[in-house]
Amino acid sequence: MSTKTRKLNFSIDEDLCRALEELVPSGQRSRVVNEALRRELDRIRRQRAVEELKAAPRPPASLTNDEIVSSLARDRASH
């Protein structure tokens, strides 16, 4: 199965670029950047979801802290 890709034009810090070139072989850089960006976007989505939950009116029967922590742990383990 082939994934459709696009070329993007953006800038990164020089020290980050040097580290990428030093640590990751040229044929693997896109994969590494894709994985890092995917993880960061997932983190941003989770953060926004938490902010929305905090701002939402509380339901009459709310979850316990243990239930919330357990649910978040399962979510993180699945990614």
N, C-alpha and C. Protein backbone atom coordinates (compact mmCIF):
# COMPACT_ATOMS: atom_id res chain seq x y z
N MET A 1 0.84 -1.17 0.00
CA MET A 1 0.00 0.00 0.00
C MET A 1 0.89 1.24 0.00
N SER A 2 0.65 2.13 -0.92
CA SER A 2 1.45 3.33 -1.06
C SER A 2 0.73 4.52 -0.42
N THR A 3 1.49 5.33 0.28
CA THR A 3 0.94 6.52 0.90
C THR A 3 1.24 7.71 0.02
N LYS A 4 0.24 8.54 -0.21
CA LYS A 4 0.43 9.75 -1.01
C LYS A 4 1.27 10.74 -0.21
N THR A 5 2.24 11.34 -0.83
CA THR A 5 3.10 12.31 -0.15
C THR A 5 3.05 13.65 -0.87
N ARG A 6 3.45 14.69 -0.13
CA ARG A 6 3.56 16.04 -0.69
C ARG A 6 4.85 16.64 -0.23
N LYS A 7 5.43 17.47 -1.06
CA LYS A 7 6.61 18.23 -0.67
C LYS A 7 6.13 19.54 -0.06
N LEU A 8 6.74 19.90 1.05
CA LEU A 8 6.41 21.15 1.72
C LEU A 8 7.66 22.00 1.81
N ASN A 9 7.48 23.29 1.86
CA ASN A 9 8.59 24.20 1.97
C ASN A 9 8.48 24.94 3.30
N PHE A 10 9.33 24.59 4.26
CA PHE A 10 9.35 25.28 5.54
C PHE A 10 10.77 25.28 6.07
N SER A 11 11.01 26.08 7.08
CA SER A 11 12.36 26.24 7.61
C SER A 11 12.48 25.57 8.98
N ILE A 12 13.68 25.06 9.27
CA ILE A 12 13.99 24.54 10.59
C ILE A 12 15.29 25.18 11.05
N ASP A 13 15.50 25.20 12.35
CA ASP A 13 16.72 25.79 12.90
C ASP A 13 17.96 25.08 12.36
N GLU A 14 19.02 25.83 12.18
CA GLU A 14 20.27 25.29 11.63
C GLU A 14 20.82 24.15 12.48
N ASP A 15 20.80 24.29 13.81
CA ASP A 15 21.33 23.22 14.66
C ASP A 15 20.50 21.94 14.55
N LEU A 16 19.19 22.09 14.38
CA LEU A 16 18.32 20.95 14.19
C LEU A 16 18.60 20.27 12.85
N CYS A 17 18.83 21.07 11.83
CA CYS A 17 19.16 20.54 10.51
C CYS A 17 20.48 19.76 10.56
N ARG A 18 21.48 20.32 11.20
CA ARG A 18 22.77 19.62 11.31
C ARG A 18 22.62 18.30 12.04
N ALA A 19 21.86 18.29 13.13
CA ALA A 19 21.66 17.06 13.89
C ALA A 19 20.94 16.02 13.04
N LEU A 20 19.94 16.43 12.30
CA LEU A 20 19.22 15.52 11.42
C LEU A 20 20.17 14.92 10.38
N GLU A 21 20.98 15.76 9.77
CA GLU A 21 21.93 15.28 8.75
C GLU A 21 22.99 14.36 9.35
N GLU A 22 23.43 14.64 10.57
CA GLU A 22 24.45 13.82 11.22
C GLU A 22 23.90 12.47 11.69
N LEU A 23 22.70 12.47 12.21
CA LEU A 23 22.17 11.29 12.88
C LEU A 23 21.34 10.37 11.99
N VAL A 24 20.73 10.92 10.95
CA VAL A 24 19.80 10.14 10.15
C VAL A 24 20.30 10.06 8.71
N PRO A 25 20.45 8.85 8.18
CA PRO A 25 20.88 8.71 6.79
C PRO A 25 19.89 9.39 5.84
N SER A 26 20.38 9.88 4.72
CA SER A 26 19.57 10.69 3.80
C SER A 26 18.30 9.98 3.33
N GLY A 27 18.33 8.68 3.16
CA GLY A 27 17.14 7.97 2.70
C GLY A 27 16.07 7.77 3.76
N GLN A 28 16.38 8.12 5.00
CA GLN A 28 15.44 7.90 6.10
C GLN A 28 14.92 9.19 6.72
N ARG A 29 15.39 10.32 6.28
CA ARG A 29 15.03 11.60 6.93
C ARG A 29 13.55 11.93 6.84
N SER A 30 12.93 11.70 5.69
CA SER A 30 11.50 12.00 5.57
C SER A 30 10.69 11.16 6.54
N ARG A 31 11.04 9.88 6.68
CA ARG A 31 10.33 8.99 7.59
C ARG A 31 10.47 9.49 9.03
N VAL A 32 11.69 9.87 9.41
CA VAL A 32 11.93 10.34 10.78
C VAL A 32 11.14 11.63 11.05
N VAL A 33 11.16 12.56 10.11
CA VAL A 33 10.43 13.82 10.28
C VAL A 33 8.93 13.55 10.32
N ASN A 34 8.43 12.66 9.46
CA ASN A 34 7.01 12.31 9.48
C ASN A 34 6.59 11.74 10.82
N GLU A 35 7.39 10.81 11.36
CA GLU A 35 7.06 10.20 12.65
C GLU A 35 7.08 11.23 13.78
N ALA A 36 8.08 12.10 13.77
CA ALA A 36 8.17 13.12 14.82
C ALA A 36 7.00 14.10 14.73
N LEU A 37 6.65 14.51 13.52
CA LEU A 37 5.54 15.43 13.34
C LEU A 37 4.22 14.77 13.73
N ARG A 38 4.05 13.51 13.38
CA ARG A 38 2.84 12.78 13.75
C ARG A 38 2.69 12.72 15.27
N ARG A 39 3.79 12.41 15.98
CA ARG A 39 3.74 12.36 17.45
C ARG A 39 3.38 13.73 18.03
N GLU A 40 3.98 14.78 17.50
CA GLU A 40 3.70 16.13 18.01
C GLU A 40 2.25 16.53 17.75
N LEU A 41 1.73 16.22 16.57
CA LEU A 41 0.34 16.55 16.27
C LEU A 41 -0.62 15.76 17.16
N ASP A 42 -0.30 14.50 17.46
CA ASP A 42 -1.10 13.72 18.40
C ASP A 42 -1.09 14.37 19.78
N ARG A 43 0.08 14.85 20.22
CA ARG A 43 0.19 15.52 21.52
C ARG A 43 -0.67 16.78 21.55
N ILE A 44 -0.63 17.55 20.46
CA ILE A 44 -1.43 18.78 20.38
C ILE A 44 -2.92 18.44 20.42
N ARG A 45 -3.32 17.39 19.70
CA ARG A 45 -4.74 16.99 19.71
C ARG A 45 -5.18 16.58 21.11
N ARG A 46 -4.34 15.79 21.81
CA ARG A 46 -4.69 15.38 23.17
C ARG A 46 -4.80 16.59 24.09
N GLN A 47 -3.85 17.53 23.95
CA GLN A 47 -3.87 18.73 24.78
C GLN A 47 -5.16 19.53 24.54
N ARG A 48 -5.55 19.69 23.29
CA ARG A 48 -6.78 20.41 22.98
C ARG A 48 -8.01 19.69 23.54
N ALA A 49 -8.01 18.36 23.43
CA ALA A 49 -9.13 17.59 23.97
C ALA A 49 -9.25 17.78 25.47
N VAL A 50 -8.13 17.77 26.18
CA VAL A 50 -8.14 18.00 27.62
C VAL A 50 -8.66 19.40 27.93
N GLU A 51 -8.22 20.39 27.17
CA GLU A 51 -8.69 21.77 27.39
C GLU A 51 -10.19 21.87 27.16
N GLU A 52 -10.70 21.18 26.12
CA GLU A 52 -12.14 21.19 25.86
C GLU A 52 -12.90 20.50 26.99
N LEU A 53 -12.35 19.40 27.49
CA LEU A 53 -13.01 18.71 28.59
C LEU A 53 -13.05 19.58 29.85
N LYS A 54 -11.94 20.28 30.10
CA LYS A 54 -11.90 21.15 31.28
C LYS A 54 -12.91 22.29 31.16
N ALA A 55 -13.14 22.78 29.94
CA ALA A 55 -14.03 23.91 29.73
C ALA A 55 -15.50 23.47 29.65
N ALA A 56 -15.73 22.20 29.40
CA ALA A 56 -17.10 21.71 29.24
C ALA A 56 -17.80 21.63 30.59
N PRO A 57 -19.12 21.81 30.59
CA PRO A 57 -19.86 21.64 31.84
C PRO A 57 -19.72 20.20 32.34
N ARG A 58 -19.62 20.06 33.63
CA ARG A 58 -19.44 18.72 34.23
C ARG A 58 -20.75 17.95 34.16
N PRO A 59 -20.65 16.68 33.72
CA PRO A 59 -21.86 15.84 33.73
C PRO A 59 -22.20 15.45 35.17
N PRO A 60 -23.43 15.04 35.42
CA PRO A 60 -23.82 14.68 36.79
C PRO A 60 -22.94 13.57 37.39
N ALA A 61 -22.62 12.55 36.62
CA ALA A 61 -21.78 11.45 37.10
C ALA A 61 -20.44 11.55 36.38
N SER A 62 -19.42 12.09 37.06
CA SER A 62 -18.14 12.26 36.40
C SER A 62 -17.23 11.07 36.69
N LEU A 63 -16.18 10.94 35.88
CA LEU A 63 -15.20 9.87 36.04
C LEU A 63 -14.29 10.15 37.21
N THR A 64 -13.77 9.09 37.80
CA THR A 64 -12.78 9.26 38.86
C THR A 64 -11.43 9.56 38.23
N ASN A 65 -10.51 10.07 39.02
CA ASN A 65 -9.16 10.33 38.52
C ASN A 65 -8.52 9.05 38.00
N ASP A 66 -8.69 7.95 38.71
CA ASP A 66 -8.12 6.67 38.28
C ASP A 66 -8.68 6.23 36.93
N GLU A 67 -9.97 6.44 36.71
CA GLU A 67 -10.57 6.08 35.43
C GLU A 67 -10.01 6.94 34.30
N ILE A 68 -9.81 8.21 34.56
CA ILE A 68 -9.25 9.12 33.56
C ILE A 68 -7.82 8.72 33.23
N VAL A 69 -7.00 8.50 34.25
CA VAL A 69 -5.60 8.12 34.04
C VAL A 69 -5.52 6.81 33.28
N SER A 70 -6.34 5.85 33.63
CA SER A 70 -6.36 4.55 32.95
C SER A 70 -6.75 4.71 31.49
N SER A 71 -7.74 5.53 31.21
CA SER A 71 -8.19 5.76 29.84
C SER A 71 -7.09 6.44 29.02
N LEU A 72 -6.44 7.44 29.60
CA LEU A 72 -5.34 8.12 28.89
C LEU A 72 -4.18 7.17 28.63
N ALA A 73 -3.86 6.31 29.58
CA ALA A 73 -2.77 5.35 29.41
C ALA A 73 -3.10 4.39 28.26
N ARG A 74 -4.34 3.91 28.20
CA ARG A 74 -4.73 3.02 27.10
C ARG A 74 -4.63 3.74 25.76
N ASP A 75 -5.06 5.00 25.71
CA ASP A 75 -5.01 5.79 24.48
C ASP A 75 -3.56 5.96 24.01
N ARG A 76 -2.68 6.30 24.93
CA ARG A 76 -1.26 6.51 24.58
C ARG A 76 -0.59 5.21 24.15
N ALA A 77 -0.97 4.11 24.77
CA ALA A 77 -0.38 2.82 24.42
C ALA A 77 -0.81 2.37 23.03
N SER A 78 -1.96 2.82 22.58
CA SER A 78 -2.45 2.40 21.26
C SER A 78 -1.80 3.17 20.12
N HIS A 79 -1.01 4.20 20.42
CA HIS A 79 -0.35 4.99 19.36
C HIS A 79 1.08 4.64 19.25
